[in-house]
Every structure is written in structure tokens, then in C-alpha cells.
Amino acid sequence: MQPEVADVEWVTDHLEAHGHLLVHGSTLAEVATRTQAAIGARTPAGLQVRFRILHAGWWRIEECRCRRSLACSNHPAWHYRPATAADRRAFRGAEVRLVLEQRPR
């Protein structure tokens, strides 16, 4: 069964996550709009958030088959992987890293 993933998925607990978000979007503009909408209301006062797209392309989700142990109780039930357009389960999106900066006074 294919897991249901939000348009903006916070993936910091995933082993393969190098950034902080996996954002669905068929264009970079759509990825940027969805990222801005997701972080807009969560920005602490006095800070501004910039984001950097690390990897745009095709992605797919697969069920986790990692060996379970007590040390990984917060391990996700699925992982995301780069894919190709030929994969029928693939979606377009981007891995996005957030950067917090102090607003100039």
C-alpha cells in the first residue's frame, strides 16, 4: 500500500533526508510557493527563513524494510527515494533545506 504523503512533508527523521522538507511540485515555482506557504506561519519573530532547493526531480515512496530495534522507535514507516519519470508511483518534487537568519534591524 502506498503511504499518503502531504504536499510538504517534514522528513528530518528519515535516514536519507539531507534537507528538511520534501515538497511536491511539478515546477520549481510550485515548489517555492508550497514551501513559503508551509513555513510562513511558523517563522519565529525576529527571524527570516530562506530555503535552498537541494534536489529537484522525480521521487517515490517505499515501505521501510529496515531492521527494527529499540533504539529506532521513532524511525519512519516509509522512505523516499529518487526515481525516474518511468516509475508509475513517482511524483515530481524537490528536497528543500531551510536556513534561519536574524532579520536586520
N, C-alpha and C. Protein backbone atom coordinates (compact mmCIF):
# COMPACT_ATOMS: atom_id res chain seq x y z
N MET A 1 0.83 -1.18 0.00
CA MET A 1 0.00 0.00 0.00
C MET A 1 0.87 1.25 0.00
N GLN A 2 0.57 2.21 -0.84
CA GLN A 2 1.34 3.43 -0.95
C GLN A 2 0.95 4.40 0.17
N PRO A 3 1.91 4.87 0.99
CA PRO A 3 1.57 5.81 2.05
C PRO A 3 1.08 7.14 1.48
N GLU A 4 0.24 7.82 2.22
CA GLU A 4 -0.24 9.14 1.82
C GLU A 4 0.75 10.18 2.34
N VAL A 5 1.32 10.97 1.45
CA VAL A 5 2.31 11.96 1.83
C VAL A 5 1.77 13.34 1.51
N ALA A 6 1.96 14.27 2.43
CA ALA A 6 1.47 15.64 2.25
C ALA A 6 2.25 16.35 1.14
N ASP A 7 1.69 17.45 0.64
CA ASP A 7 2.40 18.24 -0.39
C ASP A 7 3.72 18.77 0.12
N VAL A 8 3.79 19.08 1.41
CA VAL A 8 5.04 19.48 2.06
C VAL A 8 5.25 18.54 3.22
N GLU A 9 6.22 17.67 3.08
CA GLU A 9 6.46 16.63 4.09
C GLU A 9 7.74 16.95 4.86
N TRP A 10 7.63 17.04 6.18
CA TRP A 10 8.80 17.28 7.03
C TRP A 10 9.47 15.93 7.22
N VAL A 11 10.71 15.79 6.79
CA VAL A 11 11.35 14.48 6.75
C VAL A 11 12.65 14.43 7.54
N THR A 12 12.76 15.19 8.58
CA THR A 12 14.02 15.24 9.33
C THR A 12 14.35 13.93 10.03
N ASP A 13 13.38 13.05 10.26
CA ASP A 13 13.67 11.78 10.93
C ASP A 13 14.05 10.67 9.97
N HIS A 14 14.09 10.94 8.70
CA HIS A 14 14.42 9.90 7.72
C HIS A 14 15.92 9.79 7.53
N LEU A 15 16.38 8.57 7.39
CA LEU A 15 17.81 8.33 7.23
C LEU A 15 18.38 9.03 5.99
N GLU A 16 17.59 9.11 4.93
CA GLU A 16 18.10 9.67 3.68
C GLU A 16 17.85 11.17 3.55
N ALA A 17 17.28 11.79 4.56
CA ALA A 17 16.97 13.22 4.47
C ALA A 17 18.23 14.05 4.66
N HIS A 18 18.59 14.80 3.65
CA HIS A 18 19.73 15.71 3.75
C HIS A 18 19.22 17.12 4.00
N GLY A 19 17.98 17.37 3.68
CA GLY A 19 17.35 18.66 3.91
C GLY A 19 16.28 18.50 4.96
N HIS A 20 15.30 19.35 4.94
CA HIS A 20 14.27 19.31 5.96
C HIS A 20 12.89 19.03 5.40
N LEU A 21 12.68 19.28 4.12
CA LEU A 21 11.35 19.12 3.53
C LEU A 21 11.45 18.33 2.24
N LEU A 22 10.39 17.60 1.93
CA LEU A 22 10.20 17.05 0.60
C LEU A 22 8.91 17.67 0.11
N VAL A 23 9.00 18.44 -0.96
CA VAL A 23 7.87 19.24 -1.43
C VAL A 23 7.43 18.75 -2.80
N HIS A 24 6.13 18.41 -2.92
CA HIS A 24 5.57 18.04 -4.22
C HIS A 24 5.42 19.29 -5.06
N GLY A 25 5.72 19.19 -6.33
CA GLY A 25 5.51 20.30 -7.24
C GLY A 25 6.03 19.96 -8.61
N SER A 26 5.26 20.29 -9.63
CA SER A 26 5.68 19.96 -10.99
C SER A 26 6.66 20.98 -11.55
N THR A 27 6.75 22.16 -10.92
CA THR A 27 7.72 23.18 -11.35
C THR A 27 8.43 23.71 -10.10
N LEU A 28 9.56 24.37 -10.30
CA LEU A 28 10.26 24.98 -9.17
C LEU A 28 9.43 26.09 -8.54
N ALA A 29 8.65 26.80 -9.36
CA ALA A 29 7.78 27.85 -8.83
C ALA A 29 6.73 27.25 -7.89
N GLU A 30 6.17 26.11 -8.25
CA GLU A 30 5.18 25.45 -7.40
C GLU A 30 5.83 24.96 -6.10
N VAL A 31 7.04 24.43 -6.19
CA VAL A 31 7.78 24.01 -5.00
C VAL A 31 8.01 25.21 -4.09
N ALA A 32 8.44 26.33 -4.65
CA ALA A 32 8.70 27.54 -3.86
C ALA A 32 7.43 28.05 -3.19
N THR A 33 6.32 28.09 -3.92
CA THR A 33 5.06 28.57 -3.37
C THR A 33 4.60 27.69 -2.22
N ARG A 34 4.68 26.38 -2.38
CA ARG A 34 4.25 25.46 -1.32
C ARG A 34 5.17 25.54 -0.11
N THR A 35 6.46 25.72 -0.35
CA THR A 35 7.41 25.85 0.76
C THR A 35 7.13 27.12 1.55
N GLN A 36 6.94 28.23 0.85
CA GLN A 36 6.66 29.50 1.52
C GLN A 36 5.37 29.43 2.32
N ALA A 37 4.36 28.80 1.78
CA ALA A 37 3.08 28.66 2.49
C ALA A 37 3.25 27.81 3.76
N ALA A 38 4.06 26.77 3.69
CA ALA A 38 4.25 25.88 4.83
C ALA A 38 5.04 26.53 5.96
N ILE A 39 6.00 27.38 5.63
CA ILE A 39 6.85 27.97 6.67
C ILE A 39 6.40 29.37 7.07
N GLY A 40 5.50 29.97 6.33
CA GLY A 40 5.08 31.35 6.59
C GLY A 40 4.58 31.59 7.99
N ALA A 41 3.69 30.77 8.47
CA ALA A 41 3.08 30.97 9.79
C ALA A 41 3.96 30.45 10.92
N ARG A 42 5.02 29.75 10.61
CA ARG A 42 5.85 29.12 11.65
C ARG A 42 7.15 29.87 11.91
N THR A 43 7.34 31.00 11.27
CA THR A 43 8.59 31.73 11.42
C THR A 43 8.60 32.52 12.74
N PRO A 44 9.55 32.24 13.62
CA PRO A 44 9.61 32.98 14.89
C PRO A 44 9.90 34.47 14.66
N ALA A 45 9.42 35.31 15.57
CA ALA A 45 9.65 36.75 15.46
C ALA A 45 11.15 37.05 15.45
N GLY A 46 11.54 38.00 14.63
CA GLY A 46 12.94 38.40 14.55
C GLY A 46 13.79 37.55 13.63
N LEU A 47 13.19 36.51 13.05
CA LEU A 47 13.94 35.65 12.14
C LEU A 47 13.29 35.66 10.77
N GLN A 48 14.10 35.43 9.77
CA GLN A 48 13.56 35.22 8.43
C GLN A 48 14.05 33.87 7.94
N VAL A 49 13.27 33.25 7.11
CA VAL A 49 13.59 31.91 6.62
C VAL A 49 13.91 31.99 5.13
N ARG A 50 15.05 31.46 4.78
CA ARG A 50 15.40 31.28 3.37
C ARG A 50 15.38 29.78 3.12
N PHE A 51 15.21 29.40 1.88
CA PHE A 51 15.28 27.98 1.59
C PHE A 51 16.10 27.76 0.34
N ARG A 52 16.68 26.58 0.28
CA ARG A 52 17.53 26.20 -0.84
C ARG A 52 17.04 24.86 -1.36
N ILE A 53 16.84 24.78 -2.65
CA ILE A 53 16.43 23.51 -3.27
C ILE A 53 17.68 22.68 -3.50
N LEU A 54 17.71 21.51 -2.85
CA LEU A 54 18.89 20.64 -2.94
C LEU A 54 18.82 19.68 -4.12
N HIS A 55 17.63 19.14 -4.35
CA HIS A 55 17.48 18.14 -5.42
C HIS A 55 16.06 18.21 -5.93
N ALA A 56 15.91 18.63 -7.15
CA ALA A 56 14.59 18.64 -7.80
C ALA A 56 14.54 17.47 -8.77
N GLY A 57 13.39 16.85 -8.89
CA GLY A 57 13.26 15.74 -9.82
C GLY A 57 12.12 14.83 -9.45
N TRP A 58 12.27 13.57 -9.79
CA TRP A 58 11.24 12.56 -9.54
C TRP A 58 11.57 11.82 -8.25
N TRP A 59 10.51 11.52 -7.48
CA TRP A 59 10.65 10.83 -6.20
C TRP A 59 9.62 9.73 -6.11
N ARG A 60 9.89 8.77 -5.25
CA ARG A 60 8.89 7.74 -4.95
C ARG A 60 9.00 7.38 -3.47
N ILE A 61 7.96 6.77 -2.98
CA ILE A 61 7.90 6.37 -1.58
C ILE A 61 7.90 4.86 -1.53
N GLU A 62 8.67 4.32 -0.60
CA GLU A 62 8.63 2.86 -0.42
C GLU A 62 8.58 2.53 1.07
N GLU A 63 7.94 1.43 1.34
CA GLU A 63 7.78 0.97 2.72
C GLU A 63 9.14 0.67 3.33
N CYS A 64 9.31 1.01 4.60
CA CYS A 64 10.57 0.76 5.29
C CYS A 64 10.76 -0.73 5.52
N ARG A 65 11.93 -1.21 5.18
CA ARG A 65 12.29 -2.60 5.43
C ARG A 65 13.54 -2.68 6.29
N CYS A 66 13.82 -1.58 7.00
CA CYS A 66 14.99 -1.54 7.87
C CYS A 66 14.81 -2.50 9.05
N ARG A 67 15.91 -3.00 9.53
CA ARG A 67 15.88 -3.87 10.70
C ARG A 67 15.45 -3.05 11.91
N ARG A 68 14.47 -3.52 12.64
CA ARG A 68 13.93 -2.81 13.80
C ARG A 68 14.73 -3.09 15.07
N SER A 69 14.84 -2.08 15.90
CA SER A 69 15.47 -2.24 17.22
C SER A 69 14.83 -1.24 18.17
N LEU A 70 15.09 -1.38 19.44
CA LEU A 70 14.54 -0.45 20.42
C LEU A 70 15.09 0.96 20.22
N ALA A 71 16.28 1.06 19.69
CA ALA A 71 16.93 2.37 19.51
C ALA A 71 16.29 3.19 18.39
N CYS A 72 15.43 2.60 17.59
CA CYS A 72 14.84 3.34 16.46
C CYS A 72 13.32 3.41 16.56
N SER A 73 12.81 3.64 17.75
CA SER A 73 11.35 3.66 17.94
C SER A 73 10.69 4.80 17.18
N ASN A 74 11.42 5.86 16.84
CA ASN A 74 10.83 6.96 16.08
C ASN A 74 11.16 6.87 14.59
N HIS A 75 11.65 5.74 14.17
CA HIS A 75 12.00 5.53 12.77
C HIS A 75 10.73 5.53 11.91
N PRO A 76 10.77 6.14 10.73
CA PRO A 76 9.56 6.22 9.90
C PRO A 76 9.16 4.87 9.31
N ALA A 77 7.89 4.76 8.94
CA ALA A 77 7.38 3.53 8.34
C ALA A 77 7.63 3.50 6.84
N TRP A 78 8.14 4.59 6.27
CA TRP A 78 8.42 4.66 4.84
C TRP A 78 9.65 5.52 4.61
N HIS A 79 10.20 5.42 3.41
CA HIS A 79 11.35 6.22 2.98
C HIS A 79 11.04 6.81 1.61
N TYR A 80 11.67 7.91 1.29
CA TYR A 80 11.54 8.43 -0.06
C TYR A 80 12.86 8.24 -0.79
N ARG A 81 12.77 8.02 -2.06
CA ARG A 81 13.94 7.74 -2.89
C ARG A 81 13.85 8.50 -4.21
N PRO A 82 14.97 8.91 -4.75
CA PRO A 82 14.93 9.47 -6.11
C PRO A 82 14.38 8.40 -7.07
N ALA A 83 13.68 8.85 -8.10
CA ALA A 83 13.06 7.93 -9.06
C ALA A 83 13.21 8.49 -10.47
N THR A 84 12.57 7.84 -11.41
CA THR A 84 12.55 8.32 -12.79
C THR A 84 11.10 8.54 -13.21
N ALA A 85 10.93 9.27 -14.28
CA ALA A 85 9.58 9.54 -14.78
C ALA A 85 8.86 8.26 -15.20
N ALA A 86 9.60 7.22 -15.52
CA ALA A 86 9.01 5.96 -15.95
C ALA A 86 8.37 5.18 -14.80
N ASP A 87 8.74 5.49 -13.58
CA ASP A 87 8.17 4.80 -12.41
C ASP A 87 6.73 5.27 -12.22
N ARG A 88 5.78 4.36 -12.28
CA ARG A 88 4.36 4.75 -12.21
C ARG A 88 3.97 5.31 -10.85
N ARG A 89 4.77 5.05 -9.81
CA ARG A 89 4.48 5.58 -8.47
C ARG A 89 5.22 6.88 -8.19
N ALA A 90 5.96 7.39 -9.16
CA ALA A 90 6.80 8.58 -8.94
C ALA A 90 5.99 9.87 -8.98
N PHE A 91 6.49 10.87 -8.27
CA PHE A 91 5.91 12.21 -8.31
C PHE A 91 7.05 13.22 -8.45
N ARG A 92 6.73 14.38 -9.02
CA ARG A 92 7.73 15.43 -9.15
C ARG A 92 7.78 16.23 -7.87
N GLY A 93 8.97 16.64 -7.50
CA GLY A 93 9.12 17.43 -6.29
C GLY A 93 10.57 17.82 -6.06
N ALA A 94 10.85 18.31 -4.86
CA ALA A 94 12.20 18.74 -4.54
C ALA A 94 12.47 18.56 -3.06
N GLU A 95 13.73 18.29 -2.76
CA GLU A 95 14.21 18.27 -1.39
C GLU A 95 14.68 19.69 -1.08
N VAL A 96 14.20 20.24 0.02
CA VAL A 96 14.42 21.65 0.35
C VAL A 96 15.05 21.77 1.73
N ARG A 97 16.08 22.59 1.84
CA ARG A 97 16.71 22.89 3.14
C ARG A 97 16.32 24.29 3.57
N LEU A 98 15.95 24.43 4.84
CA LEU A 98 15.59 25.75 5.39
C LEU A 98 16.80 26.34 6.11
N VAL A 99 16.93 27.67 6.02
CA VAL A 99 18.00 28.38 6.71
C VAL A 99 17.35 29.55 7.46
N LEU A 100 17.53 29.58 8.78
CA LEU A 100 17.02 30.67 9.61
C LEU A 100 18.09 31.75 9.73
N GLU A 101 17.68 33.00 9.56
CA GLU A 101 18.61 34.13 9.68
C GLU A 101 17.98 35.22 10.53
N GLN A 102 18.84 35.94 11.27
CA GLN A 102 18.38 37.09 12.05
C GLN A 102 17.98 38.22 11.09
N ARG A 103 16.82 38.81 11.30
CA ARG A 103 16.41 39.93 10.46
C ARG A 103 17.28 41.14 10.78
N PRO A 104 17.68 41.90 9.76
CA PRO A 104 18.46 43.12 10.03
C PRO A 104 17.61 44.14 10.76
N ARG A 105 18.22 44.89 11.65
CA ARG A 105 17.48 45.90 12.43
C ARG A 105 17.50 47.24 11.77
